[in-house]
Amino acid sequence: MCAFVIGLKVNMDANIHTDVDVDVVFVPVSEGNIEKLRELNQTTLEVKYPDKFYQNALRLPKQLVCLCRKKEASVFIGSICCRIENPCTLRGSRFSWGGNGNVNFTPNVDMLYIMTLNVLPSYRGRSLGSRLVKHVLEAVQERKNGFNCKGAYLHVWTENKDALRFYQRLGFKVQCTINNYYRRISPPDCHIVALFFSEEDENPQLHGGRNSSSQSNALMNREEGKEIL
């Protein structure tokens, strides 16, 4: 599965048409609407996703990949795609955790990884990006859905100030900075930003400690892509 850059200079909730509310519903991605996800990505993102991205999206839990549609019309205006993973045990990468901060990830626990997020330009400024993120965060915290996530995280390009502010407004915090993460943009560095669902998960060293050596474990293969928003 890939994780890519969504609009390197885009703020999903920028002040555009903020005086107009949009009544929307969230629809799980399926065989019947997967092409709508492709269309949204092609319209809003700077990276072209391979077919494998969409094939894998169909295999993910339905709560983690959804489209945002106007309630009174079959117009899809946004999407989010996430997966569940253990950041400390990812394999196959050619680089490690590093940078100027400590990564507060406890070994052997799952986190929600936000891969892609987008909203059509004409519908930005109506908090749809925030609503998409909150929709998935709420789903993974509901016990009935069977997830056991301790929080959510993603990569953010260090120059994407709008994206960083967007996630900080949602409660995400910068955990560390990874140097030379990207190959085709400059500067090639990224932040790891994360939101933990409890104080215990955010500060594991205060609640039994954590294995600091896990910080050197790999995250993602460069060939598989990078960050979102």
C-alpha atoms as a PDB file:
ATOM      1  CA  MET A   1       0.000   0.000   0.000  1.00  0.00           C
ATOM      2  CA  CYS A   2       1.187   3.469  -0.806  1.00  0.00           C
ATOM      3  CA  ALA A   3       1.093   6.748   1.023  1.00  0.00           C
ATOM      4  CA  PHE A   4       1.532   9.841  -1.052  1.00  0.00           C
ATOM      5  CA  VAL A   5       1.663  13.588  -0.864  1.00  0.00           C
ATOM      6  CA  ILE A   6      -1.670  15.361  -1.032  1.00  0.00           C
ATOM      7  CA  GLY A   7      -1.271  18.892  -2.335  1.00  0.00           C
ATOM      8  CA  LEU A   8       2.113  20.058  -1.066  1.00  0.00           C
ATOM      9  CA  LYS A   9       0.792  23.569  -0.456  1.00  0.00           C
ATOM     10  CA  VAL A  10      -2.881  22.894   0.257  1.00  0.00           C
ATOM     11  CA  ASN A  11      -4.883  23.651   3.395  1.00  0.00           C
ATOM     12  CA  MET A  12      -7.905  21.365   3.355  1.00  0.00           C
ATOM     13  CA  ASP A  13      -9.948  23.819   5.412  1.00  0.00           C
ATOM     14  CA  ALA A  14      -8.728  27.049   3.853  1.00  0.00           C
ATOM     15  CA  ASN A  15     -11.132  29.980   3.967  1.00  0.00           C
ATOM     16  CA  ILE A  16     -13.085  29.344   0.786  1.00  0.00           C
ATOM     17  CA  HIS A  17     -16.889  29.557   0.770  1.00  0.00           C
ATOM     18  CA  THR A  18     -17.012  29.298   4.547  1.00  0.00           C
ATOM     19  CA  ASP A  19     -20.480  30.836   4.591  1.00  0.00           C
ATOM     20  CA  VAL A  20     -22.059  27.775   2.979  1.00  0.00           C
ATOM     21  CA  ASP A  21     -22.645  24.537   4.874  1.00  0.00           C
ATOM     22  CA  VAL A  22     -22.582  21.232   3.023  1.00  0.00           C
ATOM     23  CA  ASP A  23     -24.752  18.331   4.144  1.00  0.00           C
ATOM     24  CA  VAL A  24     -22.686  15.223   3.404  1.00  0.00           C
ATOM     25  CA  VAL A  25     -22.636  11.489   3.973  1.00  0.00           C
ATOM     26  CA  PHE A  26     -19.607   9.212   4.220  1.00  0.00           C
ATOM     27  CA  VAL A  27     -19.681   6.223   1.885  1.00  0.00           C
ATOM     28  CA  PRO A  28     -17.333   3.206   2.150  1.00  0.00           C
ATOM     29  CA  VAL A  29     -15.202   2.565  -0.913  1.00  0.00           C
ATOM     30  CA  SER A  30     -16.402  -0.434  -2.932  1.00  0.00           C
ATOM     31  CA  GLU A  31     -16.051  -2.028  -6.350  1.00  0.00           C
ATOM     32  CA  GLY A  32     -18.939   0.158  -7.458  1.00  0.00           C
ATOM     33  CA  ASN A  33     -17.366   3.500  -6.566  1.00  0.00           C
ATOM     34  CA  ILE A  34     -13.626   2.885  -6.560  1.00  0.00           C
ATOM     35  CA  GLU A  35     -13.308   4.905  -9.770  1.00  0.00           C
ATOM     36  CA  LYS A  36     -14.687   7.912  -7.894  1.00  0.00           C
ATOM     37  CA  LEU A  37     -11.733   7.644  -5.530  1.00  0.00           C
ATOM     38  CA  ARG A  38      -9.409   7.529  -8.527  1.00  0.00           C
ATOM     39  CA  GLU A  39     -11.093  10.593 -10.057  1.00  0.00           C
ATOM     40  CA  LEU A  40     -10.763  12.571  -6.824  1.00  0.00           C
ATOM     41  CA  ASN A  41      -7.092  11.664  -6.513  1.00  0.00           C
ATOM     42  CA  GLN A  42      -6.372  12.584 -10.110  1.00  0.00           C
ATOM     43  CA  THR A  43      -8.180  15.892  -9.712  1.00  0.00           C
ATOM     44  CA  THR A  44      -6.643  17.020  -6.438  1.00  0.00           C
ATOM     45  CA  LEU A  45      -3.288  15.297  -5.982  1.00  0.00           C
ATOM     46  CA  GLU A  46       0.112  15.885  -7.496  1.00  0.00           C
ATOM     47  CA  VAL A  47       1.003  12.202  -7.586  1.00  0.00           C
ATOM     48  CA  LYS A  48      -0.470   9.611  -9.916  1.00  0.00           C
ATOM     49  CA  TYR A  49      -1.416   6.488  -8.006  1.00  0.00           C
ATOM     50  CA  PRO A  50      -0.803   3.065  -9.558  1.00  0.00           C
ATOM     51  CA  ASP A  51      -3.625   0.569  -9.989  1.00  0.00           C
ATOM     52  CA  LYS A  52      -2.224  -1.382  -7.046  1.00  0.00           C
ATOM     53  CA  PHE A  53      -3.144   1.486  -4.721  1.00  0.00           C
ATOM     54  CA  TYR A  54      -6.829   1.123  -5.617  1.00  0.00           C
ATOM     55  CA  GLN A  55      -6.725  -2.665  -5.536  1.00  0.00           C
ATOM     56  CA  ASN A  56      -5.289  -2.533  -2.026  1.00  0.00           C
ATOM     57  CA  ALA A  57      -7.797   0.120  -0.962  1.00  0.00           C
ATOM     58  CA  LEU A  58     -10.613  -2.342  -1.651  1.00  0.00           C
ATOM     59  CA  ARG A  59      -9.035  -4.843   0.767  1.00  0.00           C
ATOM     60  CA  LEU A  60      -8.858  -2.425   3.672  1.00  0.00           C
ATOM     61  CA  PRO A  61     -11.545  -2.333   6.397  1.00  0.00           C
ATOM     62  CA  LYS A  62     -14.480  -0.309   5.113  1.00  0.00           C
ATOM     63  CA  GLN A  63     -14.243   2.122   8.038  1.00  0.00           C
ATOM     64  CA  LEU A  64     -10.773   3.233   6.933  1.00  0.00           C
ATOM     65  CA  VAL A  65     -11.422   4.141   3.303  1.00  0.00           C
ATOM     66  CA  CYS A  66     -14.382   6.301   2.474  1.00  0.00           C
ATOM     67  CA  LEU A  67     -15.740   8.883   0.098  1.00  0.00           C
ATOM     68  CA  CYS A  68     -17.523  12.082   1.074  1.00  0.00           C
ATOM     69  CA  ARG A  69     -20.689  12.691  -0.942  1.00  0.00           C
ATOM     70  CA  LYS A  70     -23.232  15.485  -0.956  1.00  0.00           C
ATOM     71  CA  LYS A  71     -26.328  14.129   0.771  1.00  0.00           C
ATOM     72  CA  GLU A  72     -28.840  15.306  -1.801  1.00  0.00           C
ATOM     73  CA  ALA A  73     -26.792  14.476  -4.881  1.00  0.00           C
ATOM     74  CA  SER A  74     -24.473  11.764  -6.145  1.00  0.00           C
ATOM     75  CA  VAL A  75     -21.536  14.173  -6.218  1.00  0.00           C
ATOM     76  CA  PHE A  76     -18.374  12.933  -4.520  1.00  0.00           C
ATOM     77  CA  ILE A  77     -16.353  15.817  -3.129  1.00  0.00           C
ATOM     78  CA  GLY A  78     -13.681  14.275  -0.905  1.00  0.00           C
ATOM     79  CA  SER A  79     -12.048  11.095   0.340  1.00  0.00           C
ATOM     80  CA  ILE A  80      -9.756   9.607   2.958  1.00  0.00           C
ATOM     81  CA  CYS A  81      -7.706   6.423   2.863  1.00  0.00           C
ATOM     82  CA  CYS A  82      -6.019   4.936   5.934  1.00  0.00           C
ATOM     83  CA  ARG A  83      -4.592   1.665   7.182  1.00  0.00           C
ATOM     84  CA  ILE A  84      -3.730   0.071  10.513  1.00  0.00           C
ATOM     85  CA  GLU A  85      -0.056  -0.642  11.143  1.00  0.00           C
ATOM     86  CA  ASN A  86       2.557  -1.007  13.854  1.00  0.00           C
ATOM     87  CA  PRO A  87       5.090   1.779  13.206  1.00  0.00           C
ATOM     88  CA  CYS A  88       7.808   0.016  15.188  1.00  0.00           C
ATOM     89  CA  THR A  89       7.779  -3.217  13.204  1.00  0.00           C
ATOM     90  CA  LEU A  90       7.523  -2.108   9.575  1.00  0.00           C
ATOM     91  CA  ARG A  91      10.022  -3.829   7.342  1.00  0.00           C
ATOM     92  CA  GLY A  92      11.559  -3.372   3.931  1.00  0.00           C
ATOM     93  CA  SER A  93      12.576   0.254   4.265  1.00  0.00           C
ATOM     94  CA  ARG A  94      15.952   1.683   3.366  1.00  0.00           C
ATOM     95  CA  PHE A  95      15.948   4.341   6.067  1.00  0.00           C
ATOM     96  CA  SER A  96      15.247   4.555   9.765  1.00  0.00           C
ATOM     97  CA  TRP A  97      13.716   6.807  12.341  1.00  0.00           C
ATOM     98  CA  GLY A  98      15.894   9.809  12.887  1.00  0.00           C
ATOM     99  CA  GLY A  99      15.909  13.531  13.336  1.00  0.00           C
ATOM    100  CA  ASN A 100      15.740  15.980  16.170  1.00  0.00           C
ATOM    101  CA  GLY A 101      13.009  14.459  18.315  1.00  0.00           C
ATOM    102  CA  ASN A 102      11.860  11.339  20.098  1.00  0.00           C
ATOM    103  CA  VAL A 103       9.160   9.137  18.637  1.00  0.00           C
ATOM    104  CA  ASN A 104       6.618   8.206  21.273  1.00  0.00           C
ATOM    105  CA  PHE A 105       5.518   4.938  19.675  1.00  0.00           C
ATOM    106  CA  THR A 106       5.204   1.961  21.980  1.00  0.00           C
ATOM    107  CA  PRO A 107       6.340  -1.371  20.470  1.00  0.00           C
ATOM    108  CA  ASN A 108       3.697  -3.946  19.562  1.00  0.00           C
ATOM    109  CA  VAL A 109       0.772  -1.549  19.351  1.00  0.00           C
ATOM    110  CA  ASP A 110      -1.235  -0.510  16.324  1.00  0.00           C
ATOM    111  CA  MET A 111      -1.648   3.008  14.982  1.00  0.00           C
ATOM    112  CA  LEU A 112      -3.907   4.405  12.287  1.00  0.00           C
ATOM    113  CA  TYR A 113      -1.765   5.622   9.393  1.00  0.00           C
ATOM    114  CA  ILE A 114      -3.392   8.322   7.252  1.00  0.00           C
ATOM    115  CA  MET A 115      -2.345   7.735   3.660  1.00  0.00           C
ATOM    116  CA  THR A 116      -4.433  10.117   1.575  1.00  0.00           C
ATOM    117  CA  LEU A 117      -6.924  12.886   2.220  1.00  0.00           C
ATOM    118  CA  ASN A 118      -8.491  15.230  -0.289  1.00  0.00           C
ATOM    119  CA  VAL A 119     -11.358  17.637  -0.882  1.00  0.00           C
ATOM    120  CA  LEU A 120     -12.309  19.211  -4.199  1.00  0.00           C
ATOM    121  CA  PRO A 121     -11.033  22.817  -4.350  1.00  0.00           C
ATOM    122  CA  SER A 122     -14.522  24.295  -4.728  1.00  0.00           C
ATOM    123  CA  TYR A 123     -15.622  22.638  -1.468  1.00  0.00           C
ATOM    124  CA  ARG A 124     -12.691  23.561   0.734  1.00  0.00           C
ATOM    125  CA  GLY A 125     -13.170  25.902   3.634  1.00  0.00           C
ATOM    126  CA  ARG A 126     -16.191  24.006   4.951  1.00  0.00           C
ATOM    127  CA  SER A 127     -14.305  21.773   7.410  1.00  0.00           C
ATOM    128  CA  LEU A 128     -14.794  18.727   5.191  1.00  0.00           C
ATOM    129  CA  GLY A 129     -11.140  17.711   5.589  1.00  0.00           C
ATOM    130  CA  SER A 130     -11.509  17.821   9.363  1.00  0.00           C
ATOM    131  CA  ARG A 131     -14.775  15.895   9.210  1.00  0.00           C
ATOM    132  CA  LEU A 132     -13.203  13.152   7.106  1.00  0.00           C
ATOM    133  CA  VAL A 133     -10.334  12.724   9.563  1.00  0.00           C
ATOM    134  CA  LYS A 134     -12.650  12.771  12.588  1.00  0.00           C
ATOM    135  CA  HIS A 135     -14.965  10.259  10.912  1.00  0.00           C
ATOM    136  CA  VAL A 136     -12.178   7.681  10.670  1.00  0.00           C
ATOM    137  CA  LEU A 137     -10.747   8.500  14.110  1.00  0.00           C
ATOM    138  CA  GLU A 138     -14.142   7.896  15.681  1.00  0.00           C
ATOM    139  CA  ALA A 139     -14.539   4.606  13.792  1.00  0.00           C
ATOM    140  CA  VAL A 140     -11.256   3.142  15.030  1.00  0.00           C
ATOM    141  CA  GLN A 141     -12.063   4.124  18.614  1.00  0.00           C
ATOM    142  CA  GLU A 142     -15.411   2.315  18.663  1.00  0.00           C
ATOM    143  CA  ARG A 143     -14.942  -1.046  20.367  1.00  0.00           C
ATOM    144  CA  LYS A 144     -17.579  -2.710  18.230  1.00  0.00           C
ATOM    145  CA  ASN A 145     -15.423  -2.226  15.130  1.00  0.00           C
ATOM    146  CA  GLY A 146     -12.691  -4.434  16.584  1.00  0.00           C
ATOM    147  CA  PHE A 147      -9.757  -2.055  16.210  1.00  0.00           C
ATOM    148  CA  ASN A 148      -7.128  -1.632  18.910  1.00  0.00           C
ATOM    149  CA  CYS A 149      -5.387   1.548  17.836  1.00  0.00           C
ATOM    150  CA  LYS A 150      -3.554   3.777  20.268  1.00  0.00           C
ATOM    151  CA  GLY A 151      -3.675   6.787  17.968  1.00  0.00           C
ATOM    152  CA  ALA A 152      -3.036   8.051  14.439  1.00  0.00           C
ATOM    153  CA  TYR A 153       0.010   9.350  12.593  1.00  0.00           C
ATOM    154  CA  LEU A 154       1.297  10.447   9.194  1.00  0.00           C
ATOM    155  CA  HIS A 155       4.213  12.084   7.393  1.00  0.00           C
ATOM    156  CA  VAL A 156       4.083  15.811   6.598  1.00  0.00           C
ATOM    157  CA  TRP A 157       6.592  17.559   4.374  1.00  0.00           C
ATOM    158  CA  THR A 158       8.489  20.134   6.426  1.00  0.00           C
ATOM    159  CA  GLU A 159       7.579  22.903   3.945  1.00  0.00           C
ATOM    160  CA  ASN A 160       3.860  22.096   4.046  1.00  0.00           C
ATOM    161  CA  LYS A 161       2.994  24.606   6.747  1.00  0.00           C
ATOM    162  CA  ASP A 162      -0.708  24.543   5.875  1.00  0.00           C
ATOM    163  CA  ALA A 163      -0.891  20.785   6.342  1.00  0.00           C
ATOM    164  CA  LEU A 164       0.976  20.988   9.630  1.00  0.00           C
ATOM    165  CA  ARG A 165      -1.399  23.644  10.965  1.00  0.00           C
ATOM    166  CA  PHE A 166      -4.382  21.600   9.759  1.00  0.00           C
ATOM    167  CA  TYR A 167      -3.344  18.540  11.754  1.00  0.00           C
ATOM    168  CA  GLN A 168      -2.267  20.557  14.773  1.00  0.00           C
ATOM    169  CA  ARG A 169      -5.775  22.009  14.948  1.00  0.00           C
ATOM    170  CA  LEU A 170      -7.021  18.429  15.178  1.00  0.00           C
ATOM    171  CA  GLY A 171      -4.691  17.701  18.095  1.00  0.00           C
ATOM    172  CA  PHE A 172      -1.750  16.115  16.254  1.00  0.00           C
ATOM    173  CA  LYS A 173       1.760  16.935  17.463  1.00  0.00           C
ATOM    174  CA  VAL A 174       5.149  16.751  15.762  1.00  0.00           C
ATOM    175  CA  GLN A 175       7.020  13.710  17.105  1.00  0.00           C
ATOM    176  CA  CYS A 176      10.249  13.987  15.138  1.00  0.00           C
ATOM    177  CA  THR A 177      11.744  15.144  11.861  1.00  0.00           C
ATOM    178  CA  ILE A 178      13.197  12.652   9.366  1.00  0.00           C
ATOM    179  CA  ASN A 179      15.933  14.019   7.136  1.00  0.00           C
ATOM    180  CA  ASN A 180      16.258  13.001   3.479  1.00  0.00           C
ATOM    181  CA  TYR A 181      12.883  11.262   3.426  1.00  0.00           C
ATOM    182  CA  TYR A 182      11.887  12.388  -0.067  1.00  0.00           C
ATOM    183  CA  ARG A 183      13.667  11.900  -3.337  1.00  0.00           C
ATOM    184  CA  ARG A 184      11.976  14.344  -5.709  1.00  0.00           C
ATOM    185  CA  ILE A 185      11.253  17.441  -3.615  1.00  0.00           C
ATOM    186  CA  SER A 186      13.474  19.909  -1.800  1.00  0.00           C
ATOM    187  CA  PRO A 187      14.034  20.095   1.061  1.00  0.00           C
ATOM    188  CA  PRO A 188      13.654  16.307   1.281  1.00  0.00           C
ATOM    189  CA  ASP A 189      12.655  16.235   4.960  1.00  0.00           C
ATOM    190  CA  CYS A 190       9.409  15.367   6.711  1.00  0.00           C
ATOM    191  CA  HIS A 191       7.795  15.545  10.115  1.00  0.00           C
ATOM    192  CA  ILE A 192       6.143  12.608  11.818  1.00  0.00           C
ATOM    193  CA  VAL A 193       2.949  13.976  13.373  1.00  0.00           C
ATOM    194  CA  ALA A 194       0.760  11.909  15.658  1.00  0.00           C
ATOM    195  CA  LEU A 195      -2.375  12.020  17.761  1.00  0.00           C
ATOM    196  CA  PHE A 196      -2.651   9.645  20.720  1.00  0.00           C
ATOM    197  CA  PHE A 197      -5.995   8.624  22.144  1.00  0.00           C
ATOM    198  CA  SER A 198      -4.826   8.687  25.767  1.00  0.00           C
ATOM    199  CA  GLU A 199      -2.108  10.268  27.894  1.00  0.00           C
ATOM    200  CA  GLU A 200      -0.751   6.812  28.683  1.00  0.00           C
ATOM    201  CA  ASP A 201      -0.177   6.077  25.014  1.00  0.00           C
ATOM    202  CA  GLU A 202       1.313   9.495  24.358  1.00  0.00           C
ATOM    203  CA  ASN A 203       3.789   9.219  27.245  1.00  0.00           C
ATOM    204  CA  PRO A 204       4.590   5.504  27.579  1.00  0.00           C
ATOM    205  CA  GLN A 205       7.794   6.235  29.466  1.00  0.00           C
ATOM    206  CA  LEU A 206       5.589   7.432  32.350  1.00  0.00           C
ATOM    207  CA  HIS A 207       3.540   4.233  32.304  1.00  0.00           C
ATOM    208  CA  GLY A 208       5.932   1.315  32.223  1.00  0.00           C
ATOM    209  CA  GLY A 209       8.490   2.529  29.703  1.00  0.00           C
ATOM    210  CA  ARG A 210       9.119   1.625  26.086  1.00  0.00           C
ATOM    211  CA  ASN A 211      11.860   0.102  24.011  1.00  0.00           C
ATOM    212  CA  SER A 212      13.884   3.019  22.718  1.00  0.00           C
ATOM    213  CA  SER A 213      15.658   0.782  20.214  1.00  0.00           C
ATOM    214  CA  SER A 214      12.396   0.523  18.296  1.00  0.00           C
ATOM    215  CA  GLN A 215      12.966   4.077  17.097  1.00  0.00           C
ATOM    216  CA  SER A 216      15.577   2.775  14.695  1.00  0.00           C
ATOM    217  CA  ASN A 217      13.147   0.415  12.988  1.00  0.00           C
ATOM    218  CA  ALA A 218      12.117   1.160   9.422  1.00  0.00           C
ATOM    219  CA  LEU A 219       8.907   2.869   8.405  1.00  0.00           C
ATOM    220  CA  MET A 220       8.216   2.852   4.716  1.00  0.00           C
ATOM    221  CA  ASN A 221       9.968   2.028   1.510  1.00  0.00           C
ATOM    222  CA  ARG A 222      10.845   5.136  -0.471  1.00  0.00           C
ATOM    223  CA  GLU A 223       9.388   3.530  -3.574  1.00  0.00           C
ATOM    224  CA  GLU A 224       6.008   3.172  -1.875  1.00  0.00           C
ATOM    225  CA  GLY A 225       5.420   6.872  -1.380  1.00  0.00           C
ATOM    226  CA  LYS A 226       5.235   9.319   1.437  1.00  0.00           C
ATOM    227  CA  GLU A 227       2.766  11.527   3.238  1.00  0.00           C
ATOM    228  CA  ILE A 228      -0.611  13.095   2.879  1.00  0.00           C
ATOM    229  CA  LEU A 229      -2.315  16.423   2.808  1.00  0.00           C
END
